[in-house]
């Protein structure tokens, strides 16, 4: 039988070890008192943490985290059309300012060259 690894000890603490390996870890802990005390402490802490977090784990997620709900929320949002309109107005404003500045620069360059 192979030696007990730290990963197997962690799986033992998490109650995720196969029956055969669980018995091997138990046998190992029976023969090593200091490891058994250390592992026992870890087990008690892990069990206390599990008990404390059961209410959190059993609480259902808000509906916004369900598939397709974000799309639904976004489609209902009144800010989407407003964002599209404000984006279009901003593009028009930038174009107007750029064209105006372009015309002003052209006029200044022409005036400077004709002097």
N, C-alpha and C. Protein backbone atom coordinates (compact mmCIF):
# COMPACT_ATOMS: atom_id res chain seq x y z
N UNK A 1 0.85 -1.18 0.00
CA UNK A 1 0.00 0.00 0.00
C UNK A 1 0.89 1.24 0.00
N UNK A 2 0.65 2.23 -0.90
CA UNK A 2 1.49 3.43 -0.98
C UNK A 2 1.34 4.30 0.26
N UNK A 3 2.31 5.17 0.47
CA UNK A 3 2.27 6.10 1.60
C UNK A 3 1.09 7.05 1.48
N UNK A 4 0.71 7.60 2.60
CA UNK A 4 -0.38 8.57 2.65
C UNK A 4 0.20 9.94 2.28
N UNK A 5 -0.44 10.61 1.34
CA UNK A 5 0.02 11.94 0.91
C UNK A 5 -0.79 13.03 1.60
N UNK A 6 -0.28 14.24 1.53
CA UNK A 6 -1.00 15.38 2.10
C UNK A 6 -2.34 15.61 1.39
N UNK A 7 -2.34 15.33 0.10
CA UNK A 7 -3.58 15.49 -0.67
C UNK A 7 -4.63 14.52 -0.15
N UNK A 8 -4.22 13.28 0.12
CA UNK A 8 -5.17 12.30 0.65
C UNK A 8 -5.65 12.69 2.04
N UNK A 9 -4.77 13.28 2.83
CA UNK A 9 -5.20 13.74 4.16
C UNK A 9 -6.23 14.86 4.01
N UNK A 10 -6.00 15.78 3.06
CA UNK A 10 -6.97 16.86 2.83
C UNK A 10 -8.29 16.28 2.34
N UNK A 11 -8.23 15.31 1.44
CA UNK A 11 -9.46 14.67 0.97
C UNK A 11 -10.17 13.94 2.11
N UNK A 12 -9.40 13.36 3.03
CA UNK A 12 -9.97 12.70 4.21
C UNK A 12 -10.71 13.73 5.07
N UNK A 13 -10.10 14.88 5.28
CA UNK A 13 -10.73 15.94 6.07
C UNK A 13 -12.01 16.44 5.38
N UNK A 14 -11.97 16.50 4.06
CA UNK A 14 -13.13 16.98 3.28
C UNK A 14 -14.18 15.91 3.04
N UNK A 15 -13.96 14.70 3.55
CA UNK A 15 -14.87 13.56 3.36
C UNK A 15 -15.05 13.24 1.88
N UNK A 16 -13.97 13.34 1.12
CA UNK A 16 -14.03 13.12 -0.33
C UNK A 16 -13.14 11.97 -0.78
N UNK A 17 -12.68 11.16 0.14
CA UNK A 17 -11.74 10.10 -0.18
C UNK A 17 -12.50 8.80 -0.40
N UNK A 18 -11.98 7.97 -1.30
CA UNK A 18 -12.61 6.67 -1.53
C UNK A 18 -12.53 5.83 -0.25
N UNK A 19 -13.41 4.86 -0.13
CA UNK A 19 -13.50 4.05 1.08
C UNK A 19 -12.19 3.34 1.39
N UNK A 20 -11.55 2.80 0.38
CA UNK A 20 -10.28 2.08 0.57
C UNK A 20 -9.20 3.00 1.11
N UNK A 21 -9.05 4.16 0.49
CA UNK A 21 -8.02 5.11 0.94
C UNK A 21 -8.39 5.74 2.28
N UNK A 22 -9.69 5.92 2.54
CA UNK A 22 -10.12 6.45 3.83
C UNK A 22 -9.71 5.51 4.96
N UNK A 23 -9.87 4.22 4.74
CA UNK A 23 -9.45 3.24 5.74
C UNK A 23 -7.93 3.24 5.91
N UNK A 24 -7.20 3.43 4.83
CA UNK A 24 -5.73 3.49 4.91
C UNK A 24 -5.29 4.72 5.70
N UNK A 25 -5.95 5.85 5.48
CA UNK A 25 -5.61 7.07 6.22
C UNK A 25 -5.95 6.87 7.70
N UNK A 26 -7.09 6.26 7.98
CA UNK A 26 -7.47 5.99 9.37
C UNK A 26 -6.43 5.12 10.06
N UNK A 27 -5.97 4.10 9.36
CA UNK A 27 -4.95 3.20 9.92
C UNK A 27 -3.66 3.98 10.19
N UNK A 28 -3.28 4.84 9.26
CA UNK A 28 -2.09 5.67 9.41
C UNK A 28 -2.24 6.59 10.62
N UNK A 29 -3.40 7.21 10.78
CA UNK A 29 -3.62 8.12 11.89
C UNK A 29 -3.67 7.37 13.23
N UNK A 30 -4.14 6.14 13.20
CA UNK A 30 -4.17 5.33 14.41
C UNK A 30 -2.76 5.04 14.91
N UNK A 31 -1.83 4.90 13.97
CA UNK A 31 -0.44 4.60 14.32
C UNK A 31 0.40 5.84 14.60
N UNK A 32 -0.08 7.03 14.24
CA UNK A 32 0.69 8.27 14.43
C UNK A 32 -0.17 9.27 15.21
N UNK A 33 0.04 9.31 16.51
CA UNK A 33 -0.81 10.12 17.39
C UNK A 33 -0.71 11.62 17.11
N UNK A 34 0.48 12.14 16.84
CA UNK A 34 0.62 13.59 16.59
C UNK A 34 -0.12 13.99 15.30
N UNK A 35 -0.01 13.18 14.26
CA UNK A 35 -0.76 13.46 13.02
C UNK A 35 -2.25 13.36 13.27
N UNK A 36 -2.66 12.39 14.05
CA UNK A 36 -4.09 12.21 14.34
C UNK A 36 -4.64 13.43 15.07
N UNK A 37 -3.88 13.98 16.01
CA UNK A 37 -4.34 15.18 16.72
C UNK A 37 -4.42 16.38 15.77
N UNK A 38 -3.43 16.54 14.93
CA UNK A 38 -3.41 17.65 13.96
C UNK A 38 -4.58 17.52 13.00
N UNK A 39 -4.78 16.33 12.47
CA UNK A 39 -5.86 16.10 11.50
C UNK A 39 -7.22 16.25 12.18
N UNK A 40 -7.32 15.81 13.42
CA UNK A 40 -8.57 15.96 14.17
C UNK A 40 -8.95 17.43 14.34
N UNK A 41 -7.96 18.26 14.61
CA UNK A 41 -8.21 19.70 14.73
C UNK A 41 -8.68 20.28 13.41
N UNK A 42 -8.01 19.90 12.32
CA UNK A 42 -8.43 20.38 11.00
C UNK A 42 -9.85 19.92 10.67
N UNK A 43 -10.16 18.67 11.02
CA UNK A 43 -11.50 18.14 10.75
C UNK A 43 -12.57 18.92 11.51
N UNK A 44 -12.31 19.21 12.77
CA UNK A 44 -13.28 19.97 13.56
C UNK A 44 -13.48 21.37 12.98
N UNK A 45 -12.40 22.01 12.57
CA UNK A 45 -12.52 23.34 11.96
C UNK A 45 -13.31 23.29 10.65
N UNK A 46 -13.00 22.30 9.82
CA UNK A 46 -13.70 22.17 8.54
C UNK A 46 -15.18 21.89 8.76
N UNK A 47 -15.51 21.03 9.73
CA UNK A 47 -16.92 20.73 10.00
C UNK A 47 -17.64 21.96 10.55
N UNK A 48 -16.98 22.72 11.42
CA UNK A 48 -17.59 23.94 11.95
C UNK A 48 -17.83 24.95 10.83
N UNK A 49 -16.88 25.06 9.92
CA UNK A 49 -17.03 25.97 8.78
C UNK A 49 -18.17 25.53 7.87
N UNK A 50 -18.27 24.23 7.62
CA UNK A 50 -19.38 23.72 6.80
C UNK A 50 -20.73 24.05 7.45
N UNK A 51 -20.84 23.80 8.76
CA UNK A 51 -22.10 24.08 9.46
C UNK A 51 -22.43 25.57 9.41
N UNK A 52 -21.43 26.41 9.56
CA UNK A 52 -21.66 27.85 9.55
C UNK A 52 -22.09 28.36 8.17
N UNK A 53 -21.61 27.72 7.12
CA UNK A 53 -21.89 28.20 5.77
C UNK A 53 -23.07 27.51 5.10
N UNK A 54 -23.71 26.56 5.78
CA UNK A 54 -24.87 25.89 5.18
C UNK A 54 -25.96 26.88 4.79
N UNK A 55 -26.33 27.85 5.65
CA UNK A 55 -27.37 28.81 5.24
C UNK A 55 -26.97 29.61 4.01
N UNK A 56 -25.72 29.96 3.90
CA UNK A 56 -25.26 30.73 2.74
C UNK A 56 -25.32 29.87 1.49
N UNK A 57 -24.89 28.62 1.61
CA UNK A 57 -24.88 27.72 0.45
C UNK A 57 -26.29 27.40 -0.03
N UNK A 58 -27.25 27.39 0.88
CA UNK A 58 -28.63 27.04 0.51
C UNK A 58 -29.45 28.24 0.06
N UNK A 59 -28.93 29.43 0.21
CA UNK A 59 -29.65 30.63 -0.22
C UNK A 59 -29.65 30.69 -1.75
N UNK A 60 -30.84 30.81 -2.35
CA UNK A 60 -30.86 30.88 -3.82
C UNK A 60 -30.25 32.18 -4.33
N UNK A 61 -29.68 32.10 -5.51
CA UNK A 61 -29.09 33.29 -6.12
C UNK A 61 -30.20 34.22 -6.60
N UNK A 62 -29.94 35.52 -6.62
CA UNK A 62 -30.93 36.44 -7.18
C UNK A 62 -31.20 36.12 -8.64
N UNK A 63 -32.37 36.47 -9.09
CA UNK A 63 -32.78 36.12 -10.45
C UNK A 63 -31.88 36.73 -11.52
N UNK A 64 -31.16 37.79 -11.20
CA UNK A 64 -30.30 38.42 -12.20
C UNK A 64 -29.19 37.48 -12.64
N UNK A 65 -28.83 36.49 -11.82
CA UNK A 65 -27.76 35.57 -12.17
C UNK A 65 -28.25 34.37 -12.97
N UNK A 66 -29.53 34.27 -13.23
CA UNK A 66 -30.05 33.17 -14.04
C UNK A 66 -29.71 33.43 -15.51
N UNK A 67 -29.55 32.36 -16.29
CA UNK A 67 -29.23 32.55 -17.71
C UNK A 67 -30.29 33.40 -18.41
N UNK A 68 -29.85 34.24 -19.29
CA UNK A 68 -30.68 35.12 -20.12
C UNK A 68 -31.35 36.24 -19.34
N UNK A 69 -31.23 36.28 -18.01
CA UNK A 69 -31.90 37.35 -17.27
C UNK A 69 -31.20 38.68 -17.48
N UNK A 70 -29.88 38.65 -17.68
CA UNK A 70 -29.17 39.90 -17.91
C UNK A 70 -29.63 40.53 -19.21
N UNK A 71 -29.81 39.71 -20.24
CA UNK A 71 -30.33 40.22 -21.52
C UNK A 71 -31.71 40.83 -21.32
N UNK A 72 -32.55 40.15 -20.53
CA UNK A 72 -33.90 40.64 -20.28
C UNK A 72 -33.84 41.97 -19.55
N UNK A 73 -32.98 42.06 -18.52
CA UNK A 73 -32.86 43.31 -17.77
C UNK A 73 -32.37 44.44 -18.66
N UNK A 74 -31.40 44.14 -19.52
CA UNK A 74 -30.87 45.18 -20.41
C UNK A 74 -31.90 45.62 -21.44
N UNK A 75 -32.71 44.67 -21.92
CA UNK A 75 -33.71 45.04 -22.93
C UNK A 75 -34.82 45.89 -22.32
N UNK A 76 -35.04 45.76 -21.03
CA UNK A 76 -36.07 46.56 -20.37
C UNK A 76 -35.56 47.93 -19.93
N UNK A 77 -34.26 48.09 -19.95
CA UNK A 77 -33.67 49.32 -19.42
C UNK A 77 -33.97 50.50 -20.34
N UNK A 78 -34.51 51.59 -19.79
CA UNK A 78 -34.81 52.76 -20.62
C UNK A 78 -33.55 53.52 -21.02
N UNK A 79 -32.42 53.23 -20.40
CA UNK A 79 -31.21 53.98 -20.71
C UNK A 79 -30.57 53.54 -22.02
N UNK A 80 -30.93 52.36 -22.53
CA UNK A 80 -30.33 51.88 -23.78
C UNK A 80 -30.68 52.80 -24.95
N UNK A 81 -31.97 53.11 -25.22
CA UNK A 81 -32.26 54.04 -26.32
C UNK A 81 -31.67 55.42 -26.06
N UNK A 82 -31.68 55.85 -24.79
CA UNK A 82 -31.11 57.14 -24.45
C UNK A 82 -29.62 57.15 -24.75
N UNK A 83 -28.92 56.07 -24.45
CA UNK A 83 -27.49 55.99 -24.76
C UNK A 83 -27.25 56.06 -26.26
N UNK A 84 -28.09 55.42 -27.04
CA UNK A 84 -27.93 55.45 -28.49
C UNK A 84 -28.14 56.87 -29.02
N UNK A 85 -29.15 57.56 -28.52
CA UNK A 85 -29.45 58.93 -28.96
C UNK A 85 -28.31 59.86 -28.53
N UNK A 86 -27.86 59.72 -27.28
CA UNK A 86 -26.80 60.61 -26.82
C UNK A 86 -25.50 60.33 -27.58
N UNK A 87 -25.25 59.08 -27.95
CA UNK A 87 -24.07 58.76 -28.76
C UNK A 87 -24.14 59.40 -30.13
N UNK A 88 -25.33 59.35 -30.74
CA UNK A 88 -25.50 59.96 -32.06
C UNK A 88 -25.32 61.48 -31.98
N UNK A 89 -25.89 62.11 -30.95
CA UNK A 89 -25.74 63.56 -30.79
C UNK A 89 -24.28 63.93 -30.55
N UNK A 90 -23.59 63.14 -29.77
CA UNK A 90 -22.17 63.39 -29.52
C UNK A 90 -21.37 63.28 -30.82
N UNK A 91 -21.69 62.29 -31.66
CA UNK A 91 -20.99 62.14 -32.94
C UNK A 91 -21.25 63.34 -33.84
N UNK A 92 -22.48 63.82 -33.85
CA UNK A 92 -22.82 65.00 -34.66
C UNK A 92 -22.07 66.23 -34.15
N UNK A 93 -22.03 66.40 -32.84
CA UNK A 93 -21.34 67.53 -32.25
C UNK A 93 -19.84 67.50 -32.56
N UNK A 94 -19.24 66.33 -32.42
CA UNK A 94 -17.80 66.20 -32.72
C UNK A 94 -17.54 66.50 -34.19
N UNK A 95 -18.38 66.01 -35.06
CA UNK A 95 -18.22 66.26 -36.50
C UNK A 95 -18.35 67.76 -36.80
N UNK A 96 -19.35 68.39 -36.19
CA UNK A 96 -19.56 69.82 -36.41
C UNK A 96 -18.36 70.63 -35.93
N UNK A 97 -17.87 70.31 -34.72
CA UNK A 97 -16.72 71.03 -34.18
C UNK A 97 -15.49 70.79 -35.03
N UNK A 98 -15.27 69.53 -35.41
CA UNK A 98 -14.09 69.21 -36.23
C UNK A 98 -14.18 69.92 -37.59
N UNK A 99 -15.35 69.95 -38.16
CA UNK A 99 -15.53 70.61 -39.46
C UNK A 99 -15.33 72.11 -39.29
N UNK A 100 -15.86 72.64 -38.23
CA UNK A 100 -15.70 74.07 -37.96
C UNK A 100 -14.24 74.43 -37.75
N UNK A 101 -13.53 73.62 -36.97
CA UNK A 101 -12.11 73.86 -36.76
C UNK A 101 -11.33 73.67 -38.05
N UNK A 102 -11.74 72.68 -38.81
CA UNK A 102 -11.07 72.46 -40.10
C UNK A 102 -11.24 73.65 -41.01
N UNK A 103 -12.46 74.21 -41.05
CA UNK A 103 -12.71 75.39 -41.86
C UNK A 103 -11.92 76.59 -41.36
N UNK A 104 -11.85 76.73 -40.05
CA UNK A 104 -11.09 77.83 -39.46
C UNK A 104 -9.60 77.69 -39.78
N UNK A 105 -9.08 76.47 -39.67
CA UNK A 105 -7.66 76.25 -39.97
C UNK A 105 -7.38 76.52 -41.45
N UNK A 106 -8.28 76.07 -42.29
CA UNK A 106 -8.10 76.32 -43.73
C UNK A 106 -8.09 77.82 -44.01
N UNK A 107 -8.99 78.54 -43.39
CA UNK A 107 -9.05 79.97 -43.58
C UNK A 107 -7.77 80.63 -43.09
N UNK A 108 -7.25 80.22 -41.91
CA UNK A 108 -6.01 80.80 -41.38
C UNK A 108 -4.81 80.50 -42.26
N UNK A 109 -4.74 79.27 -42.76
CA UNK A 109 -3.60 78.89 -43.63
C UNK A 109 -3.66 79.69 -44.94
N UNK A 110 -4.84 79.79 -45.51
CA UNK A 110 -5.02 80.55 -46.75
C UNK A 110 -4.66 82.02 -46.51
N UNK A 111 -5.13 82.58 -45.46
CA UNK A 111 -4.85 83.99 -45.14
C UNK A 111 -3.35 84.22 -44.94
N UNK A 112 -2.68 83.26 -44.27
CA UNK A 112 -1.24 83.38 -44.02
C UNK A 112 -0.45 83.25 -45.33
N UNK A 113 -0.83 82.36 -46.21
CA UNK A 113 -0.12 82.16 -47.45
C UNK A 113 -0.30 83.33 -48.43
N UNK A 114 -1.44 83.99 -48.39
CA UNK A 114 -1.71 85.08 -49.31
C UNK A 114 -1.05 86.38 -48.87
N UNK A 115 -0.57 86.48 -47.70
CA UNK A 115 0.08 87.70 -47.23
C UNK A 115 1.29 87.99 -47.96
